[in-house]
């Protein structure tokens, strides 16, 4: 019904009333993403930020990824580098891969917190403990959203630790984490050794000159 009302307001030249409509309907629709888009279009970044924060806390998981992207864009426009980095980190925790890791490190460089973020992330990938839950944590960023680690995630995340080590030319670390994959219970267990998809082929190719043994 709220969608039909929105169309009616647009077609009748009453578009300025749409944001109020969405705010009134949000308790039933839970459509924070649509509200945030409207507010951003109006240029009110502070109000859009409030909508994103509430959406990530109260909204459905289906919109979480795009809300994070919107929050990063809003924080960039507001010039808040620490917030930008915090939401890029939030993206990484929700989907840990090399691309998101590199985006996080680039954002941490921009915010001037590279060393603490990098050390905390690498430790997280080994232990599965979120950085701010460590007893002696060095996490420099504000905690955003309700971050949780997937039950399907296995730690140490050897596959990603190897990818990162190779990308950063830490060859000895790449070999060390690759060998950890042979431990039962870790990602990419030993049964895949020697198969076509075995990460060891890439490791061997990249370290062969420096570590021929």
N, C-alpha and C. Protein backbone atom coordinates (compact mmCIF):
# COMPACT_ATOMS: atom_id res chain seq x y z
N UNK A 1 0.84 -1.21 0.00
CA UNK A 1 0.00 0.00 0.00
C UNK A 1 0.87 1.26 0.00
N UNK A 2 1.93 1.24 0.81
CA UNK A 2 2.80 2.42 0.86
C UNK A 2 3.47 2.66 -0.49
N UNK A 3 3.77 1.55 -1.21
CA UNK A 3 4.35 1.69 -2.55
C UNK A 3 3.39 2.36 -3.52
N UNK A 4 2.12 2.00 -3.45
CA UNK A 4 1.11 2.62 -4.30
C UNK A 4 0.94 4.10 -3.96
N UNK A 5 0.95 4.39 -2.66
CA UNK A 5 0.84 5.79 -2.22
C UNK A 5 2.02 6.61 -2.73
N UNK A 6 3.22 6.02 -2.69
CA UNK A 6 4.41 6.71 -3.18
C UNK A 6 4.27 7.05 -4.66
N UNK A 7 3.80 6.09 -5.46
CA UNK A 7 3.60 6.34 -6.90
C UNK A 7 2.57 7.44 -7.12
N UNK A 8 1.49 7.39 -6.35
CA UNK A 8 0.44 8.39 -6.49
C UNK A 8 0.96 9.79 -6.18
N UNK A 9 1.79 9.90 -5.13
CA UNK A 9 2.36 11.20 -4.76
C UNK A 9 3.29 11.71 -5.85
N UNK A 10 4.08 10.82 -6.43
CA UNK A 10 4.99 11.25 -7.50
C UNK A 10 4.22 11.74 -8.72
N UNK A 11 3.21 10.96 -9.14
CA UNK A 11 2.47 11.32 -10.34
C UNK A 11 1.63 12.58 -10.17
N UNK A 12 1.30 12.88 -8.91
CA UNK A 12 0.47 14.07 -8.68
C UNK A 12 1.30 15.29 -8.29
N UNK A 13 2.62 15.18 -8.43
CA UNK A 13 3.47 16.33 -8.16
C UNK A 13 3.66 16.62 -6.69
N UNK A 14 3.47 15.62 -5.83
CA UNK A 14 3.60 15.82 -4.40
C UNK A 14 4.77 14.99 -3.84
N UNK A 15 5.85 14.95 -4.61
CA UNK A 15 7.02 14.15 -4.23
C UNK A 15 7.65 14.55 -2.92
N UNK A 16 7.46 15.81 -2.53
CA UNK A 16 8.05 16.28 -1.28
C UNK A 16 7.45 15.60 -0.05
N UNK A 17 6.31 14.94 -0.23
CA UNK A 17 5.65 14.28 0.90
C UNK A 17 6.09 12.82 1.07
N UNK A 18 6.89 12.32 0.15
CA UNK A 18 7.24 10.89 0.14
C UNK A 18 8.08 10.50 1.35
N UNK A 19 9.04 11.36 1.73
CA UNK A 19 9.90 11.02 2.86
C UNK A 19 9.07 10.88 4.14
N UNK A 20 8.13 11.80 4.36
CA UNK A 20 7.28 11.70 5.55
C UNK A 20 6.44 10.41 5.50
N UNK A 21 5.95 10.06 4.31
CA UNK A 21 5.19 8.83 4.15
C UNK A 21 6.04 7.62 4.54
N UNK A 22 7.27 7.58 4.04
CA UNK A 22 8.15 6.45 4.33
C UNK A 22 8.48 6.36 5.81
N UNK A 23 8.65 7.51 6.46
CA UNK A 23 8.95 7.50 7.89
C UNK A 23 7.77 6.95 8.70
N UNK A 24 6.56 7.31 8.28
CA UNK A 24 5.37 6.83 8.98
C UNK A 24 5.16 5.33 8.76
N UNK A 25 5.54 4.86 7.58
CA UNK A 25 5.30 3.46 7.23
C UNK A 25 6.42 2.52 7.67
N UNK A 26 7.56 3.09 8.11
CA UNK A 26 8.75 2.27 8.34
C UNK A 26 8.55 1.18 9.38
N UNK A 27 7.70 1.43 10.37
CA UNK A 27 7.47 0.43 11.42
C UNK A 27 6.89 -0.86 10.83
N UNK A 28 6.11 -0.74 9.76
CA UNK A 28 5.50 -1.92 9.14
C UNK A 28 6.30 -2.43 7.94
N UNK A 29 6.88 -1.50 7.19
CA UNK A 29 7.58 -1.91 5.97
C UNK A 29 9.01 -2.36 6.24
N UNK A 30 9.67 -1.71 7.22
CA UNK A 30 11.08 -2.00 7.49
C UNK A 30 11.98 -1.61 6.33
N UNK A 31 11.47 -0.76 5.44
CA UNK A 31 12.20 -0.41 4.21
C UNK A 31 13.10 0.80 4.45
N UNK A 32 14.16 0.60 5.22
CA UNK A 32 15.09 1.68 5.51
C UNK A 32 15.91 2.07 4.28
N UNK A 33 16.22 1.10 3.44
CA UNK A 33 17.03 1.39 2.26
C UNK A 33 16.34 2.39 1.35
N UNK A 34 15.06 2.18 1.09
CA UNK A 34 14.31 3.09 0.24
C UNK A 34 14.25 4.48 0.86
N UNK A 35 14.05 4.54 2.18
CA UNK A 35 14.01 5.83 2.88
C UNK A 35 15.35 6.55 2.75
N UNK A 36 16.43 5.82 2.97
CA UNK A 36 17.77 6.41 2.90
C UNK A 36 18.04 6.98 1.51
N UNK A 37 17.64 6.24 0.48
CA UNK A 37 17.83 6.71 -0.90
C UNK A 37 17.12 8.05 -1.13
N UNK A 38 15.90 8.16 -0.63
CA UNK A 38 15.13 9.40 -0.78
C UNK A 38 15.81 10.56 -0.06
N UNK A 39 16.29 10.28 1.16
CA UNK A 39 16.92 11.34 1.96
C UNK A 39 18.23 11.78 1.33
N UNK A 40 19.00 10.83 0.79
CA UNK A 40 20.24 11.19 0.11
C UNK A 40 19.94 12.06 -1.11
N UNK A 41 18.89 11.71 -1.84
CA UNK A 41 18.50 12.49 -3.02
C UNK A 41 18.15 13.93 -2.64
N UNK A 42 17.64 14.10 -1.42
CA UNK A 42 17.31 15.44 -0.92
C UNK A 42 18.55 16.17 -0.41
N UNK A 43 19.67 15.44 -0.25
CA UNK A 43 20.92 16.07 0.16
C UNK A 43 21.14 16.16 1.66
N UNK A 44 20.30 15.51 2.46
CA UNK A 44 20.45 15.58 3.91
C UNK A 44 21.27 14.37 4.38
N UNK A 45 22.60 14.53 4.40
CA UNK A 45 23.48 13.42 4.72
C UNK A 45 23.38 12.99 6.19
N UNK A 46 23.18 13.94 7.07
CA UNK A 46 23.08 13.59 8.50
C UNK A 46 21.84 12.75 8.77
N UNK A 47 20.73 13.12 8.15
CA UNK A 47 19.49 12.35 8.31
C UNK A 47 19.63 10.98 7.64
N UNK A 48 20.31 10.94 6.51
CA UNK A 48 20.53 9.68 5.82
C UNK A 48 21.39 8.74 6.68
N UNK A 49 22.34 9.32 7.38
CA UNK A 49 23.20 8.53 8.27
C UNK A 49 22.39 7.90 9.39
N UNK A 50 21.48 8.66 9.96
CA UNK A 50 20.61 8.14 11.02
C UNK A 50 19.79 6.97 10.49
N UNK A 51 19.25 7.12 9.27
CA UNK A 51 18.45 6.07 8.66
C UNK A 51 19.26 4.81 8.42
N UNK A 52 20.50 4.96 7.98
CA UNK A 52 21.38 3.81 7.75
C UNK A 52 21.67 3.06 9.05
N UNK A 53 22.00 3.82 10.08
CA UNK A 53 22.31 3.20 11.38
C UNK A 53 21.11 2.41 11.90
N UNK A 54 19.93 3.01 11.82
CA UNK A 54 18.73 2.32 12.28
C UNK A 54 18.42 1.10 11.41
N UNK A 55 18.63 1.27 10.10
CA UNK A 55 18.36 0.17 9.19
C UNK A 55 19.26 -1.03 9.44
N UNK A 56 20.54 -0.77 9.71
CA UNK A 56 21.47 -1.85 9.99
C UNK A 56 21.14 -2.54 11.31
N UNK A 57 20.56 -1.78 12.21
CA UNK A 57 20.23 -2.34 13.52
C UNK A 57 18.88 -3.06 13.52
N UNK A 58 17.90 -2.49 12.81
CA UNK A 58 16.54 -2.99 12.91
C UNK A 58 16.01 -3.63 11.62
N UNK A 59 16.66 -3.31 10.50
CA UNK A 59 16.13 -3.76 9.21
C UNK A 59 16.46 -5.21 8.91
N UNK A 60 16.00 -5.65 7.75
CA UNK A 60 16.23 -7.03 7.33
C UNK A 60 17.65 -7.23 6.82
N UNK A 61 18.13 -8.46 6.92
CA UNK A 61 19.49 -8.78 6.50
C UNK A 61 19.68 -8.60 5.00
N UNK A 62 18.57 -8.68 4.23
CA UNK A 62 18.67 -8.58 2.79
C UNK A 62 19.20 -7.24 2.30
N UNK A 63 18.95 -6.17 3.05
CA UNK A 63 19.39 -4.83 2.64
C UNK A 63 20.69 -4.41 3.31
N UNK A 64 21.24 -5.24 4.19
CA UNK A 64 22.39 -4.83 5.00
C UNK A 64 23.59 -4.45 4.13
N UNK A 65 23.86 -5.24 3.10
CA UNK A 65 25.01 -4.97 2.25
C UNK A 65 24.93 -3.61 1.58
N UNK A 66 23.77 -3.30 1.02
CA UNK A 66 23.62 -2.01 0.33
C UNK A 66 23.57 -0.85 1.32
N UNK A 67 23.00 -1.08 2.51
CA UNK A 67 23.01 -0.04 3.53
C UNK A 67 24.43 0.30 3.96
N UNK A 68 25.29 -0.72 4.05
CA UNK A 68 26.70 -0.47 4.38
C UNK A 68 27.34 0.38 3.29
N UNK A 69 27.06 0.05 2.03
CA UNK A 69 27.63 0.83 0.93
C UNK A 69 27.15 2.27 0.98
N UNK A 70 25.87 2.46 1.29
CA UNK A 70 25.34 3.83 1.41
C UNK A 70 26.01 4.56 2.57
N UNK A 71 26.25 3.84 3.68
CA UNK A 71 26.86 4.46 4.85
C UNK A 71 28.28 4.90 4.54
N UNK A 72 29.00 4.09 3.76
CA UNK A 72 30.35 4.47 3.36
C UNK A 72 30.30 5.75 2.53
N UNK A 73 29.38 5.81 1.57
CA UNK A 73 29.24 6.99 0.72
C UNK A 73 28.88 8.22 1.54
N UNK A 74 27.96 8.05 2.50
CA UNK A 74 27.56 9.17 3.36
C UNK A 74 28.74 9.66 4.18
N UNK A 75 29.50 8.73 4.76
CA UNK A 75 30.64 9.11 5.60
C UNK A 75 31.70 9.82 4.77
N UNK A 76 31.88 9.39 3.51
CA UNK A 76 32.82 10.08 2.62
C UNK A 76 32.37 11.52 2.40
N UNK A 77 31.08 11.69 2.14
CA UNK A 77 30.55 13.04 1.89
C UNK A 77 30.65 13.93 3.13
N UNK A 78 30.53 13.29 4.32
CA UNK A 78 30.63 14.05 5.57
C UNK A 78 32.08 14.26 6.00
N UNK A 79 33.01 13.62 5.28
CA UNK A 79 34.43 13.79 5.58
C UNK A 79 34.90 13.05 6.82
N UNK A 80 34.17 12.00 7.23
CA UNK A 80 34.51 11.26 8.44
C UNK A 80 35.28 9.99 8.05
N UNK A 81 36.60 10.07 8.01
CA UNK A 81 37.43 8.97 7.52
C UNK A 81 37.38 7.75 8.44
N UNK A 82 37.28 7.98 9.75
CA UNK A 82 37.21 6.87 10.69
C UNK A 82 35.91 6.08 10.51
N UNK A 83 34.82 6.79 10.28
CA UNK A 83 33.54 6.12 10.04
C UNK A 83 33.56 5.36 8.73
N UNK A 84 34.17 5.97 7.71
CA UNK A 84 34.30 5.27 6.42
C UNK A 84 35.01 3.94 6.64
N UNK A 85 36.13 3.99 7.34
CA UNK A 85 36.92 2.79 7.59
C UNK A 85 36.15 1.77 8.42
N UNK A 86 35.37 2.25 9.40
CA UNK A 86 34.59 1.36 10.26
C UNK A 86 33.57 0.57 9.44
N UNK A 87 32.92 1.23 8.49
CA UNK A 87 31.92 0.53 7.69
C UNK A 87 32.55 -0.34 6.61
N UNK A 88 33.73 0.03 6.14
CA UNK A 88 34.45 -0.86 5.23
C UNK A 88 34.86 -2.12 6.00
N UNK A 89 35.26 -1.94 7.26
CA UNK A 89 35.59 -3.09 8.11
C UNK A 89 34.36 -3.97 8.34
N UNK A 90 33.22 -3.33 8.54
CA UNK A 90 31.97 -4.06 8.72
C UNK A 90 31.67 -4.93 7.50
N UNK A 91 31.95 -4.38 6.33
CA UNK A 91 31.79 -5.15 5.09
C UNK A 91 32.72 -6.36 5.08
N UNK A 92 33.94 -6.15 5.54
CA UNK A 92 34.91 -7.24 5.55
C UNK A 92 34.46 -8.37 6.47
N UNK A 93 33.98 -8.03 7.65
CA UNK A 93 33.56 -9.07 8.59
C UNK A 93 32.35 -9.83 8.06
N UNK A 94 31.48 -9.15 7.32
CA UNK A 94 30.30 -9.82 6.78
C UNK A 94 30.66 -10.72 5.60
N UNK A 95 31.75 -10.37 4.89
CA UNK A 95 32.20 -11.19 3.76
C UNK A 95 33.72 -11.06 3.66
N UNK A 96 34.41 -11.99 4.28
CA UNK A 96 35.87 -11.92 4.33
C UNK A 96 36.48 -12.51 3.06
N UNK A 97 37.08 -11.63 2.27
CA UNK A 97 37.81 -12.08 1.08
C UNK A 97 38.94 -11.09 0.79
N UNK A 98 39.80 -11.43 -0.17
CA UNK A 98 40.97 -10.60 -0.43
C UNK A 98 40.59 -9.21 -0.91
N UNK A 99 39.59 -9.12 -1.75
CA UNK A 99 39.17 -7.81 -2.27
C UNK A 99 38.73 -6.90 -1.13
N UNK A 100 37.89 -7.41 -0.23
CA UNK A 100 37.41 -6.58 0.89
C UNK A 100 38.54 -6.25 1.85
N UNK A 101 39.50 -7.16 1.99
CA UNK A 101 40.66 -6.90 2.84
C UNK A 101 41.47 -5.73 2.28
N UNK A 102 41.72 -5.74 0.98
CA UNK A 102 42.52 -4.68 0.36
C UNK A 102 41.80 -3.34 0.43
N UNK A 103 40.49 -3.36 0.27
CA UNK A 103 39.71 -2.12 0.40
C UNK A 103 39.79 -1.59 1.83
N UNK A 104 39.77 -2.50 2.80
CA UNK A 104 39.87 -2.09 4.20
C UNK A 104 41.24 -1.47 4.50
N UNK A 105 42.29 -2.09 4.02
CA UNK A 105 43.63 -1.56 4.27
C UNK A 105 43.81 -0.19 3.60
N UNK A 106 43.26 -0.02 2.40
CA UNK A 106 43.33 1.27 1.71
C UNK A 106 42.59 2.33 2.52
N UNK A 107 41.43 1.97 3.06
CA UNK A 107 40.65 2.90 3.87
C UNK A 107 41.37 3.22 5.17
N UNK A 108 42.01 2.21 5.76
CA UNK A 108 42.78 2.42 7.00
C UNK A 108 43.97 3.34 6.74
N UNK A 109 44.60 3.20 5.57
CA UNK A 109 45.69 4.11 5.18
C UNK A 109 45.19 5.55 5.18
N UNK A 110 44.01 5.74 4.61
CA UNK A 110 43.44 7.08 4.49
C UNK A 110 43.10 7.66 5.87
N UNK A 111 42.72 6.78 6.80
CA UNK A 111 42.35 7.23 8.14
C UNK A 111 43.54 7.27 9.10
N UNK A 112 44.69 6.78 8.64
CA UNK A 112 45.90 6.82 9.47
C UNK A 112 45.94 5.77 10.57
N UNK A 113 45.28 4.63 10.35
CA UNK A 113 45.24 3.59 11.39
C UNK A 113 45.64 2.23 10.81
N UNK A 114 46.49 2.23 9.81
CA UNK A 114 46.80 1.01 9.07
C UNK A 114 47.33 -0.11 9.94
N UNK A 115 48.36 0.16 10.72
CA UNK A 115 49.04 -0.90 11.48
C UNK A 115 48.10 -1.62 12.44
N UNK A 116 47.34 -0.85 13.21
CA UNK A 116 46.43 -1.46 14.19
C UNK A 116 45.33 -2.26 13.51
N UNK A 117 44.78 -1.73 12.43
CA UNK A 117 43.71 -2.44 11.71
C UNK A 117 44.27 -3.73 11.09
N UNK A 118 45.40 -3.63 10.44
CA UNK A 118 45.96 -4.80 9.77
C UNK A 118 46.29 -5.90 10.76
N UNK A 119 46.97 -5.57 11.85
CA UNK A 119 47.33 -6.57 12.85
C UNK A 119 46.09 -7.22 13.45
N UNK A 120 45.07 -6.42 13.69
CA UNK A 120 43.83 -6.93 14.30
C UNK A 120 43.10 -7.87 13.35
N UNK A 121 43.08 -7.51 12.06
CA UNK A 121 42.38 -8.34 11.07
C UNK A 121 43.09 -9.68 10.88
N UNK A 122 44.41 -9.66 10.79
CA UNK A 122 45.15 -10.90 10.61
C UNK A 122 44.98 -11.82 11.82
N UNK A 123 44.93 -11.24 13.01
CA UNK A 123 44.71 -12.05 14.20
C UNK A 123 43.30 -12.63 14.21
N UNK A 124 42.32 -11.83 13.77
CA UNK A 124 40.95 -12.31 13.67
C UNK A 124 40.85 -13.51 12.74
N UNK A 125 41.54 -13.45 11.61
CA UNK A 125 41.48 -14.55 10.65
C UNK A 125 42.13 -15.82 11.19
N UNK A 126 43.00 -15.66 12.18
CA UNK A 126 43.60 -16.83 12.80
C UNK A 126 42.74 -17.40 13.92
N UNK A 127 42.09 -16.51 14.68
CA UNK A 127 41.39 -16.96 15.90
C UNK A 127 39.87 -16.97 15.77
N UNK A 128 39.32 -16.10 14.92
CA UNK A 128 37.88 -15.98 14.81
C UNK A 128 37.27 -15.08 15.87
N UNK A 129 38.11 -14.46 16.71
CA UNK A 129 37.62 -13.55 17.75
C UNK A 129 37.62 -12.13 17.19
N UNK A 130 36.46 -11.46 17.26
CA UNK A 130 36.37 -10.08 16.75
C UNK A 130 37.35 -9.19 17.52
N UNK A 131 38.03 -8.27 16.82
CA UNK A 131 39.14 -7.51 17.41
C UNK A 131 38.81 -6.81 18.72
N UNK A 132 37.64 -6.21 18.82
CA UNK A 132 37.30 -5.46 20.03
C UNK A 132 36.90 -6.37 21.19
N UNK A 133 36.81 -7.67 20.95
CA UNK A 133 36.51 -8.61 22.02
C UNK A 133 37.77 -9.27 22.59
N UNK A 134 38.91 -8.94 22.00
CA UNK A 134 40.18 -9.41 22.53
C UNK A 134 40.48 -8.69 23.84
N UNK A 135 41.15 -9.37 24.78
CA UNK A 135 41.46 -8.75 26.07
C UNK A 135 42.37 -7.55 25.90
N UNK A 136 43.40 -7.70 25.08
CA UNK A 136 44.30 -6.59 24.81
C UNK A 136 44.15 -6.20 23.34
N UNK A 137 43.07 -5.50 23.06
CA UNK A 137 42.80 -5.18 21.65
C UNK A 137 43.38 -3.82 21.26
N UNK A 138 43.71 -3.72 19.98
CA UNK A 138 44.25 -2.48 19.43
C UNK A 138 43.31 -1.92 18.37
N UNK A 139 42.04 -2.33 18.43
CA UNK A 139 41.09 -1.91 17.41
C UNK A 139 40.81 -0.42 17.53
N UNK A 140 41.16 0.38 16.52
CA UNK A 140 41.05 1.83 16.63
C UNK A 140 39.73 2.42 16.13
N UNK A 141 38.86 1.57 15.57
CA UNK A 141 37.67 2.08 14.88
C UNK A 141 36.42 1.96 15.75
N UNK A 142 35.44 2.83 15.52
CA UNK A 142 34.15 2.65 16.20
C UNK A 142 33.48 1.36 15.75
N UNK A 143 32.75 0.74 16.65
CA UNK A 143 32.04 -0.50 16.32
C UNK A 143 30.69 -0.13 15.74
N UNK A 144 30.40 -0.63 14.55
CA UNK A 144 29.14 -0.28 13.88
C UNK A 144 28.33 -1.54 13.62
N UNK A 145 27.03 -1.40 13.67
CA UNK A 145 26.16 -2.53 13.39
C UNK A 145 26.28 -3.61 14.46
N UNK A 146 25.69 -4.74 14.17
CA UNK A 146 25.71 -5.89 15.07
C UNK A 146 26.52 -6.98 14.39
N UNK A 147 27.84 -6.84 14.48
CA UNK A 147 28.74 -7.74 13.76
C UNK A 147 28.75 -9.11 14.43
N UNK A 148 28.59 -10.14 13.64
CA UNK A 148 28.69 -11.50 14.15
C UNK A 148 29.41 -12.36 13.12
N UNK A 149 30.10 -13.36 13.58
CA UNK A 149 30.85 -14.25 12.69
C UNK A 149 29.98 -15.44 12.34
N UNK A 150 29.91 -15.76 11.06
CA UNK A 150 29.08 -16.86 10.60
C UNK A 150 29.51 -18.17 11.25
N UNK A 151 28.52 -18.97 11.63
CA UNK A 151 28.81 -20.28 12.23
C UNK A 151 29.50 -21.20 11.23
N UNK A 152 29.35 -20.90 9.93
CA UNK A 152 29.98 -21.72 8.90
C UNK A 152 31.44 -21.36 8.69
N UNK A 153 31.86 -20.24 9.26
CA UNK A 153 33.24 -19.80 9.11
C UNK A 153 34.16 -20.68 9.95
N UNK A 154 35.28 -21.08 9.37
CA UNK A 154 36.24 -21.91 10.09
C UNK A 154 37.52 -21.12 10.31
N UNK A 155 38.10 -21.30 11.49
CA UNK A 155 39.34 -20.58 11.82
C UNK A 155 40.38 -21.57 12.32
N UNK A 156 41.64 -21.34 11.97
CA UNK A 156 42.11 -20.22 11.16
C UNK A 156 41.61 -20.30 9.72
N UNK A 157 41.32 -19.14 9.14
CA UNK A 157 40.88 -19.08 7.74
C UNK A 157 42.13 -19.13 6.87
N UNK A 158 42.69 -20.33 6.76
CA UNK A 158 43.99 -20.50 6.10
C UNK A 158 43.98 -20.05 4.65
N UNK A 159 42.89 -20.35 3.96
CA UNK A 159 42.83 -19.99 2.53
C UNK A 159 43.03 -18.49 2.34
N UNK A 160 42.31 -17.68 3.11
CA UNK A 160 42.43 -16.23 2.97
C UNK A 160 43.75 -15.73 3.51
N UNK A 161 44.24 -16.32 4.60
CA UNK A 161 45.54 -15.92 5.13
C UNK A 161 46.65 -16.18 4.11
N UNK A 162 46.54 -17.26 3.36
CA UNK A 162 47.52 -17.54 2.30
C UNK A 162 47.40 -16.49 1.20
N UNK A 163 46.18 -16.20 0.78
CA UNK A 163 45.97 -15.20 -0.29
C UNK A 163 46.57 -13.85 0.11
N UNK A 164 46.31 -13.44 1.34
CA UNK A 164 46.82 -12.14 1.82
C UNK A 164 48.35 -12.16 1.88
N UNK A 165 48.90 -13.24 2.41
CA UNK A 165 50.36 -13.33 2.53
C UNK A 165 51.03 -13.28 1.15
N UNK A 166 50.45 -13.96 0.17
CA UNK A 166 51.01 -13.92 -1.18
C UNK A 166 50.89 -12.51 -1.77
N UNK A 167 49.75 -11.87 -1.55
CA UNK A 167 49.53 -10.52 -2.08
C UNK A 167 50.50 -9.52 -1.46
N UNK A 168 50.86 -9.74 -0.19
CA UNK A 168 51.78 -8.83 0.51
C UNK A 168 53.23 -9.31 0.43
N UNK A 169 53.46 -10.34 -0.36
CA UNK A 169 54.81 -10.90 -0.58
C UNK A 169 55.44 -11.41 0.71
N UNK A 170 54.62 -11.91 1.61
CA UNK A 170 55.12 -12.57 2.82
C UNK A 170 55.14 -14.07 2.53
N UNK A 171 56.15 -14.49 1.82
CA UNK A 171 56.17 -15.83 1.26
C UNK A 171 56.27 -16.92 2.33
N UNK A 172 57.10 -16.70 3.34
CA UNK A 172 57.23 -17.71 4.40
C UNK A 172 55.90 -17.89 5.13
N UNK A 173 55.17 -16.80 5.34
CA UNK A 173 53.86 -16.90 5.98
C UNK A 173 52.88 -17.66 5.11
N UNK A 174 52.96 -17.43 3.80
CA UNK A 174 52.06 -18.15 2.88
C UNK A 174 52.27 -19.66 2.99
N UNK A 175 53.54 -20.06 3.04
CA UNK A 175 53.85 -21.49 3.17
C UNK A 175 53.36 -22.02 4.51
N UNK A 176 53.58 -21.25 5.57
CA UNK A 176 53.16 -21.68 6.91
C UNK A 176 51.65 -21.89 6.99
N UNK A 177 50.89 -20.93 6.46
CA UNK A 177 49.43 -21.07 6.52
C UNK A 177 48.93 -22.15 5.58
N UNK A 178 49.65 -22.36 4.47
CA UNK A 178 49.25 -23.45 3.59
C UNK A 178 49.39 -24.79 4.30
N UNK A 179 50.49 -24.96 5.04
CA UNK A 179 50.69 -26.22 5.76
C UNK A 179 49.64 -26.42 6.85
N UNK A 180 49.14 -25.33 7.42
CA UNK A 180 48.09 -25.45 8.44
C UNK A 180 46.81 -26.05 7.86
N UNK A 181 46.62 -25.91 6.55
CA UNK A 181 45.42 -26.46 5.93
C UNK A 181 45.40 -27.98 6.02
N UNK A 182 46.53 -28.58 6.30
CA UNK A 182 46.57 -30.02 6.44
C UNK A 182 46.05 -30.49 7.79
N UNK A 183 45.72 -29.56 8.68
CA UNK A 183 45.23 -29.93 10.01
C UNK A 183 43.73 -30.18 9.95
N UNK A 184 43.26 -31.33 10.37
CA UNK A 184 41.81 -31.59 10.37
C UNK A 184 41.04 -30.49 11.10
N UNK A 185 39.93 -30.08 10.51
CA UNK A 185 39.11 -29.04 11.12
C UNK A 185 39.40 -27.66 10.59
N UNK A 186 40.44 -27.51 9.78
CA UNK A 186 40.72 -26.20 9.20
C UNK A 186 40.22 -26.16 7.77
N UNK A 187 40.01 -24.93 7.28
CA UNK A 187 39.48 -24.75 5.93
C UNK A 187 40.40 -25.39 4.89
N UNK A 188 39.79 -26.01 3.89
CA UNK A 188 40.53 -26.69 2.82
C UNK A 188 41.39 -27.80 3.40
N UNK A 189 40.75 -28.72 4.09
CA UNK A 189 41.41 -29.84 4.77
C UNK A 189 42.27 -30.63 3.78
N UNK A 190 43.17 -31.46 4.34
CA UNK A 190 44.19 -32.15 3.56
C UNK A 190 43.66 -32.98 2.39
N UNK A 191 42.36 -33.36 2.44
CA UNK A 191 41.85 -34.24 1.38
C UNK A 191 41.97 -33.63 -0.01
N UNK A 192 42.08 -32.29 -0.10
CA UNK A 192 42.15 -31.64 -1.41
C UNK A 192 43.58 -31.53 -1.93
N UNK A 193 44.56 -31.96 -1.14
CA UNK A 193 45.96 -31.82 -1.55
C UNK A 193 46.22 -32.50 -2.90
N UNK A 194 46.86 -31.75 -3.77
CA UNK A 194 47.26 -32.31 -5.06
C UNK A 194 46.17 -32.27 -6.12
N UNK A 195 44.96 -31.88 -5.76
CA UNK A 195 43.89 -31.81 -6.75
C UNK A 195 44.01 -30.51 -7.54
N UNK A 196 43.20 -30.38 -8.57
CA UNK A 196 43.30 -29.21 -9.46
C UNK A 196 43.05 -27.91 -8.71
N UNK A 197 42.15 -27.92 -7.73
CA UNK A 197 41.82 -26.70 -7.01
C UNK A 197 42.70 -26.44 -5.80
N UNK A 198 43.72 -27.24 -5.60
CA UNK A 198 44.60 -27.09 -4.44
C UNK A 198 45.36 -25.77 -4.53
N UNK A 199 45.26 -24.97 -3.48
CA UNK A 199 45.92 -23.66 -3.43
C UNK A 199 47.44 -23.80 -3.46
N UNK A 200 47.92 -24.98 -3.15
CA UNK A 200 49.37 -25.20 -3.10
C UNK A 200 50.09 -24.94 -4.41
N UNK A 201 49.39 -25.15 -5.53
CA UNK A 201 50.02 -24.88 -6.83
C UNK A 201 50.40 -23.40 -6.94
N UNK A 202 49.49 -22.53 -6.52
CA UNK A 202 49.76 -21.09 -6.58
C UNK A 202 50.88 -20.71 -5.62
N UNK A 203 50.83 -21.28 -4.41
CA UNK A 203 51.86 -21.00 -3.42
C UNK A 203 53.23 -21.41 -3.97
N UNK A 204 53.31 -22.65 -4.49
CA UNK A 204 54.59 -23.15 -5.00
C UNK A 204 55.15 -22.28 -6.12
N UNK A 205 54.27 -21.87 -7.02
CA UNK A 205 54.71 -21.05 -8.16
C UNK A 205 55.30 -19.72 -7.69
N UNK A 206 54.65 -19.10 -6.69
CA UNK A 206 55.07 -17.76 -6.27
C UNK A 206 56.30 -17.77 -5.35
N UNK A 207 56.50 -18.88 -4.60
CA UNK A 207 57.62 -18.89 -3.66
C UNK A 207 58.82 -19.64 -4.18
N UNK A 208 58.73 -20.26 -5.36
CA UNK A 208 59.76 -21.19 -5.83
C UNK A 208 61.16 -20.56 -5.94
N UNK A 209 61.24 -19.31 -6.37
CA UNK A 209 62.55 -18.68 -6.53
C UNK A 209 63.19 -18.34 -5.20
N UNK A 210 62.38 -17.83 -4.27
CA UNK A 210 62.93 -17.40 -2.98
C UNK A 210 63.04 -18.55 -1.99
N UNK A 211 62.13 -19.51 -2.10
CA UNK A 211 62.12 -20.64 -1.17
C UNK A 211 62.06 -21.95 -1.98
N UNK A 212 63.13 -22.27 -2.68
CA UNK A 212 63.11 -23.42 -3.59
C UNK A 212 62.85 -24.75 -2.87
N UNK A 213 63.21 -24.86 -1.61
CA UNK A 213 62.99 -26.12 -0.90
C UNK A 213 61.52 -26.38 -0.64
